[in-house]
Amino acid sequence: MRIEVNGTPRDIAATTLEAALAELGWAEARVATALNGDFVPSSARAAQMLREGDRVEVLAPMQGG
């Protein structure tokens, strides 16, 4: 299916947010996620189903001041 990840269209086979993160190389990363503008906690990613055209944002924490 085609979704948008951080503003870039991507074709993925995954059907859940957790599986999509793994497919896209973020399986072990500590990141924050949003689906269609709504925050998705890491504990909910395995149950969060994806649909064609969904918008996923993946944000890594930044350090500094």
PDB file of N, CA and C in Angstrom:
ATOM      1  N   MET A   1       0.842  -1.173   0.000  1.00  0.00           N
ATOM      2  CA  MET A   1       0.000   0.000   0.000  1.00  0.00           C
ATOM      3  C   MET A   1       0.883   1.231   0.000  1.00  0.00           C
ATOM      4  N   ARG A   2       0.340   2.329  -0.414  1.00  0.00           N
ATOM      5  CA  ARG A   2       1.090   3.586  -0.448  1.00  0.00           C
ATOM      6  C   ARG A   2       0.633   4.470   0.701  1.00  0.00           C
ATOM      7  N   ILE A   3       1.619   4.889   1.511  1.00  0.00           N
ATOM      8  CA  ILE A   3       1.387   5.836   2.582  1.00  0.00           C
ATOM      9  C   ILE A   3       2.395   6.965   2.441  1.00  0.00           C
ATOM     10  N   GLU A   4       2.225   7.994   3.241  1.00  0.00           N
ATOM     11  CA  GLU A   4       3.177   9.097   3.257  1.00  0.00           C
ATOM     12  C   GLU A   4       3.945   9.038   4.572  1.00  0.00           C
ATOM     13  N   VAL A   5       5.267   9.024   4.486  1.00  0.00           N
ATOM     14  CA  VAL A   5       6.109   8.966   5.677  1.00  0.00           C
ATOM     15  C   VAL A   5       6.973  10.219   5.715  1.00  0.00           C
ATOM     16  N   ASN A   6       6.753  11.038   6.714  1.00  0.00           N
ATOM     17  CA  ASN A   6       7.490  12.298   6.848  1.00  0.00           C
ATOM     18  C   ASN A   6       7.444  13.106   5.551  1.00  0.00           C
ATOM     19  N   GLY A   7       6.273  13.114   4.923  1.00  0.00           N
ATOM     20  CA  GLY A   7       6.062  13.917   3.721  1.00  0.00           C
ATOM     21  C   GLY A   7       6.464  13.262   2.418  1.00  0.00           C
ATOM     22  N   THR A   8       6.988  12.034   2.462  1.00  0.00           N
ATOM     23  CA  THR A   8       7.442  11.341   1.263  1.00  0.00           C
ATOM     24  C   THR A   8       6.578  10.111   1.005  1.00  0.00           C
ATOM     25  N   PRO A   9       6.023   9.968  -0.197  1.00  0.00           N
ATOM     26  CA  PRO A   9       5.235   8.766  -0.500  1.00  0.00           C
ATOM     27  C   PRO A   9       6.115   7.522  -0.452  1.00  0.00           C
ATOM     28  N   ARG A  10       5.606   6.471   0.188  1.00  0.00           N
ATOM     29  CA  ARG A  10       6.342   5.202   0.300  1.00  0.00           C
ATOM     30  C   ARG A  10       5.380   4.055   0.048  1.00  0.00           C
ATOM     31  N   ASP A  11       5.858   3.033  -0.634  1.00  0.00           N
ATOM     32  CA  ASP A  11       5.099   1.801  -0.823  1.00  0.00           C
ATOM     33  C   ASP A  11       5.585   0.799   0.210  1.00  0.00           C
ATOM     34  N   ILE A  12       4.657   0.259   1.007  1.00  0.00           N
ATOM     35  CA  ILE A  12       5.027  -0.703   2.036  1.00  0.00           C
ATOM     36  C   ILE A  12       4.099  -1.907   1.984  1.00  0.00           C
ATOM     37  N   ALA A  13       4.567  -3.005   2.550  1.00  0.00           N
ATOM     38  CA  ALA A  13       3.745  -4.217   2.651  1.00  0.00           C
ATOM     39  C   ALA A  13       3.081  -4.305   4.020  1.00  0.00           C
ATOM     40  N   ALA A  14       3.636  -3.616   5.011  1.00  0.00           N
ATOM     41  CA  ALA A  14       3.141  -3.680   6.389  1.00  0.00           C
ATOM     42  C   ALA A  14       1.699  -3.179   6.483  1.00  0.00           C
ATOM     43  N   THR A  15       0.971  -3.731   7.458  1.00  0.00           N
ATOM     44  CA  THR A  15      -0.417  -3.301   7.677  1.00  0.00           C
ATOM     45  C   THR A  15      -0.623  -2.640   9.038  1.00  0.00           C
ATOM     46  N   THR A  16       0.404  -2.684   9.898  1.00  0.00           N
ATOM     47  CA  THR A  16       0.317  -1.992  11.187  1.00  0.00           C
ATOM     48  C   THR A  16       1.444  -0.974  11.286  1.00  0.00           C
ATOM     49  N   LEU A  17       1.273  -0.027  12.169  1.00  0.00           N
ATOM     50  CA  LEU A  17       2.303   0.995  12.349  1.00  0.00           C
ATOM     51  C   LEU A  17       3.605   0.369  12.836  1.00  0.00           C
ATOM     52  N   GLU A  18       3.526  -0.570  13.762  1.00  0.00           N
ATOM     53  CA  GLU A  18       4.729  -1.225  14.268  1.00  0.00           C
ATOM     54  C   GLU A  18       5.472  -1.953  13.152  1.00  0.00           C
ATOM     55  N   ALA A  19       4.756  -2.684  12.317  1.00  0.00           N
ATOM     56  CA  ALA A  19       5.380  -3.407  11.211  1.00  0.00           C
ATOM     57  C   ALA A  19       5.955  -2.437  10.180  1.00  0.00           C
ATOM     58  N   ALA A  20       5.290  -1.325   9.966  1.00  0.00           N
ATOM     59  CA  ALA A  20       5.799  -0.324   9.018  1.00  0.00           C
ATOM     60  C   ALA A  20       7.110   0.265   9.515  1.00  0.00           C
ATOM     61  N   LEU A  21       7.190   0.557  10.812  1.00  0.00           N
ATOM     62  CA  LEU A  21       8.439   1.083  11.368  1.00  0.00           C
ATOM     63  C   LEU A  21       9.575   0.086  11.171  1.00  0.00           C
ATOM     64  N   ALA A  22       9.297  -1.189  11.384  1.00  0.00           N
ATOM     65  CA  ALA A  22      10.317  -2.219  11.180  1.00  0.00           C
ATOM     66  C   ALA A  22      10.726  -2.288   9.709  1.00  0.00           C
ATOM     67  N   GLU A  23       9.740  -2.263   8.828  1.00  0.00           N
ATOM     68  CA  GLU A  23      10.021  -2.340   7.384  1.00  0.00           C
ATOM     69  C   GLU A  23      10.847  -1.143   6.911  1.00  0.00           C
ATOM     70  N   LEU A  24      10.617   0.007   7.529  1.00  0.00           N
ATOM     71  CA  LEU A  24      11.302   1.232   7.120  1.00  0.00           C
ATOM     72  C   LEU A  24      12.619   1.460   7.850  1.00  0.00           C
ATOM     73  N   GLY A  25      13.002   0.514   8.724  1.00  0.00           N
ATOM     74  CA  GLY A  25      14.307   0.599   9.378  1.00  0.00           C
ATOM     75  C   GLY A  25      14.316   1.262  10.739  1.00  0.00           C
ATOM     76  N   TRP A  26      13.149   1.490  11.326  1.00  0.00           N
ATOM     77  CA  TRP A  26      13.069   2.124  12.633  1.00  0.00           C
ATOM     78  C   TRP A  26      12.643   1.151  13.728  1.00  0.00           C
ATOM     79  N   ALA A  27      12.849  -0.132  13.545  1.00  0.00           N
ATOM     80  CA  ALA A  27      12.369  -1.128  14.510  1.00  0.00           C
ATOM     81  C   ALA A  27      12.953  -0.922  15.903  1.00  0.00           C
ATOM     82  N   GLU A  28      14.223  -0.634  15.995  1.00  0.00           N
ATOM     83  CA  GLU A  28      14.890  -0.505  17.292  1.00  0.00           C
ATOM     84  C   GLU A  28      15.066   0.945  17.730  1.00  0.00           C
ATOM     85  N   ALA A  29      14.654   1.874  16.904  1.00  0.00           N
ATOM     86  CA  ALA A  29      14.863   3.290  17.211  1.00  0.00           C
ATOM     87  C   ALA A  29      13.858   3.791  18.248  1.00  0.00           C
ATOM     88  N   ARG A  30      14.307   4.708  19.071  1.00  0.00           N
ATOM     89  CA  ARG A  30      13.414   5.362  20.033  1.00  0.00           C
ATOM     90  C   ARG A  30      12.871   6.604  19.333  1.00  0.00           C
ATOM     91  N   VAL A  31      11.648   6.496  18.856  1.00  0.00           N
ATOM     92  CA  VAL A  31      11.039   7.573  18.086  1.00  0.00           C
ATOM     93  C   VAL A  31       9.624   7.838  18.587  1.00  0.00           C
ATOM     94  N   ALA A  32       9.123   9.008  18.272  1.00  0.00           N
ATOM     95  CA  ALA A  32       7.718   9.346  18.494  1.00  0.00           C
ATOM     96  C   ALA A  32       7.011   9.191  17.154  1.00  0.00           C
ATOM     97  N   THR A  33       5.762   8.762  17.206  1.00  0.00           N
ATOM     98  CA  THR A  33       5.019   8.555  15.963  1.00  0.00           C
ATOM     99  C   THR A  33       3.666   9.245  16.009  1.00  0.00           C
ATOM    100  N   ALA A  34       3.232   9.671  14.834  1.00  0.00           N
ATOM    101  CA  ALA A  34       1.891  10.232  14.670  1.00  0.00           C
ATOM    102  C   ALA A  34       1.291   9.631  13.409  1.00  0.00           C
ATOM    103  N   LEU A  35      -0.001   9.400  13.453  1.00  0.00           N
ATOM    104  CA  LEU A  35      -0.738   8.878  12.306  1.00  0.00           C
ATOM    105  C   LEU A  35      -1.843   9.859  11.979  1.00  0.00           C
ATOM    106  N   ASN A  36      -1.781  10.420  10.788  1.00  0.00           N
ATOM    107  CA  ASN A  36      -2.756  11.416  10.343  1.00  0.00           C
ATOM    108  C   ASN A  36      -2.912  12.550  11.359  1.00  0.00           C
ATOM    109  N   GLY A  37      -1.773  12.958  11.937  1.00  0.00           N
ATOM    110  CA  GLY A  37      -1.755  14.084  12.855  1.00  0.00           C
ATOM    111  C   GLY A  37      -2.018  13.755  14.308  1.00  0.00           C
ATOM    112  N   ASP A  38      -2.314  12.508  14.626  1.00  0.00           N
ATOM    113  CA  ASP A  38      -2.592  12.108  16.004  1.00  0.00           C
ATOM    114  C   ASP A  38      -1.437  11.279  16.562  1.00  0.00           C
ATOM    115  N   PHE A  39      -0.942  11.659  17.739  1.00  0.00           N
ATOM    116  CA  PHE A  39       0.131  10.926  18.400  1.00  0.00           C
ATOM    117  C   PHE A  39      -0.281   9.478  18.642  1.00  0.00           C
ATOM    118  N   VAL A  40       0.641   8.550  18.368  1.00  0.00           N
ATOM    119  CA  VAL A  40       0.415   7.122  18.649  1.00  0.00           C
ATOM    120  C   VAL A  40       1.524   6.662  19.591  1.00  0.00           C
ATOM    121  N   PRO A  41       1.181   6.317  20.842  1.00  0.00           N
ATOM    122  CA  PRO A  41       2.211   5.847  21.773  1.00  0.00           C
ATOM    123  C   PRO A  41       2.789   4.513  21.323  1.00  0.00           C
ATOM    124  N   SER A  42       4.008   4.242  21.741  1.00  0.00           N
ATOM    125  CA  SER A  42       4.668   3.002  21.313  1.00  0.00           C
ATOM    126  C   SER A  42       3.867   1.767  21.716  1.00  0.00           C
ATOM    127  N   SER A  43       3.165   1.828  22.829  1.00  0.00           N
ATOM    128  CA  SER A  43       2.377   0.679  23.284  1.00  0.00           C
ATOM    129  C   SER A  43       1.177   0.381  22.381  1.00  0.00           C
ATOM    130  N   ALA A  44       0.783   1.325  21.535  1.00  0.00           N
ATOM    131  CA  ALA A  44      -0.379   1.141  20.664  1.00  0.00           C
ATOM    132  C   ALA A  44      -0.014   0.851  19.214  1.00  0.00           C
ATOM    133  N   ARG A  45       1.266   0.879  18.884  1.00  0.00           N
ATOM    134  CA  ARG A  45       1.678   0.740  17.480  1.00  0.00           C
ATOM    135  C   ARG A  45       1.340  -0.619  16.874  1.00  0.00           C
ATOM    136  N   ALA A  46       1.438  -1.689  17.642  1.00  0.00           N
ATOM    137  CA  ALA A  46       1.164  -3.033  17.106  1.00  0.00           C
ATOM    138  C   ALA A  46      -0.294  -3.191  16.712  1.00  0.00           C
ATOM    139  N   ALA A  47      -1.197  -2.506  17.388  1.00  0.00           N
ATOM    140  CA  ALA A  47      -2.628  -2.620  17.100  1.00  0.00           C
ATOM    141  C   ALA A  47      -3.117  -1.557  16.125  1.00  0.00           C
ATOM    142  N   GLN A  48      -2.280  -0.569  15.825  1.00  0.00           N
ATOM    143  CA  GLN A  48      -2.695   0.530  14.951  1.00  0.00           C
ATOM    144  C   GLN A  48      -2.601   0.113  13.487  1.00  0.00           C
ATOM    145  N   MET A  49      -3.748  -0.138  12.888  1.00  0.00           N
ATOM    146  CA  MET A  49      -3.793  -0.549  11.488  1.00  0.00           C
ATOM    147  C   MET A  49      -3.548   0.651  10.570  1.00  0.00           C
ATOM    148  N   LEU A  50      -2.901   0.391   9.449  1.00  0.00           N
ATOM    149  CA  LEU A  50      -2.661   1.415   8.435  1.00  0.00           C
ATOM    150  C   LEU A  50      -3.599   1.198   7.261  1.00  0.00           C
ATOM    151  N   ARG A  51      -3.929   2.305   6.601  1.00  0.00           N
ATOM    152  CA  ARG A  51      -4.760   2.251   5.398  1.00  0.00           C
ATOM    153  C   ARG A  51      -4.090   3.037   4.284  1.00  0.00           C
ATOM    154  N   GLU A  52      -4.441   2.703   3.084  1.00  0.00           N
ATOM    155  CA  GLU A  52      -3.948   3.414   1.902  1.00  0.00           C
ATOM    156  C   GLU A  52      -4.113   4.917   2.106  1.00  0.00           C
ATOM    157  N   GLY A  53      -3.032   5.657   1.858  1.00  0.00           N
ATOM    158  CA  GLY A  53      -3.083   7.115   1.934  1.00  0.00           C
ATOM    159  C   GLY A  53      -2.830   7.703   3.310  1.00  0.00           C
ATOM    160  N   ASP A  54      -2.618   6.860   4.337  1.00  0.00           N
ATOM    161  CA  ASP A  54      -2.343   7.385   5.675  1.00  0.00           C
ATOM    162  C   ASP A  54      -1.065   8.211   5.662  1.00  0.00           C
ATOM    163  N   ARG A  55      -1.005   9.183   6.587  1.00  0.00           N
ATOM    164  CA  ARG A  55       0.180  10.020   6.767  1.00  0.00           C
ATOM    165  C   ARG A  55       0.833   9.653   8.094  1.00  0.00           C
ATOM    166  N   VAL A  56       2.066   9.191   8.031  1.00  0.00           N
ATOM    167  CA  VAL A  56       2.826   8.802   9.223  1.00  0.00           C
ATOM    168  C   VAL A  56       3.970   9.785   9.408  1.00  0.00           C
ATOM    169  N   GLU A  57       4.121  10.258  10.636  1.00  0.00           N
ATOM    170  CA  GLU A  57       5.258  11.102  10.994  1.00  0.00           C
ATOM    171  C   GLU A  57       6.095  10.336  12.009  1.00  0.00           C
ATOM    172  N   VAL A  58       7.392  10.306  11.788  1.00  0.00           N
ATOM    173  CA  VAL A  58       8.322   9.639  12.706  1.00  0.00           C
ATOM    174  C   VAL A  58       9.351  10.679  13.133  1.00  0.00           C
ATOM    175  N   LEU A  59       9.424  10.927  14.438  1.00  0.00           N
ATOM    176  CA  LEU A  59      10.292  11.961  14.959  1.00  0.00           C
ATOM    177  C   LEU A  59      11.263  11.380  15.980  1.00  0.00           C
ATOM    178  N   ALA A  60      12.533  11.656  15.795  1.00  0.00           N
ATOM    179  CA  ALA A  60      13.564  11.219  16.737  1.00  0.00           C
ATOM    180  C   ALA A  60      13.818  12.360  17.719  1.00  0.00           C
ATOM    181  N   PRO A  61      14.009  12.030  19.001  1.00  0.00           N
ATOM    182  CA  PRO A  61      14.302  13.089  19.970  1.00  0.00           C
ATOM    183  C   PRO A  61      15.637  13.753  19.656  1.00  0.00           C
ATOM    184  N   MET A  62      15.700  15.041  19.913  1.00  0.00           N
ATOM    185  CA  MET A  62      16.930  15.798  19.687  1.00  0.00           C
ATOM    186  C   MET A  62      17.465  16.291  21.013  1.00  0.00           C
ATOM    187  N   GLN A  63      18.779  16.326  21.137  1.00  0.00           N
ATOM    188  CA  GLN A  63      19.393  16.861  22.337  1.00  0.00           C
ATOM    189  C   GLN A  63      20.058  18.181  22.012  1.00  0.00           C
ATOM    190  N   GLY A  64      20.228  18.956  23.003  1.00  0.00           N
ATOM    191  CA  GLY A  64      20.894  20.238  22.799  1.00  0.00           C
ATOM    192  C   GLY A  64      20.081  21.347  23.423  1.00  0.00           C
ATOM    193  N   GLY A  65      20.563  22.545  23.246  1.00  0.00           N
ATOM    194  CA  GLY A  65      19.862  23.644  23.887  1.00  0.00           C
ATOM    195  C   GLY A  65      19.695  24.826  23.016  1.00  0.00           C
TER     196      GLY A  65
END
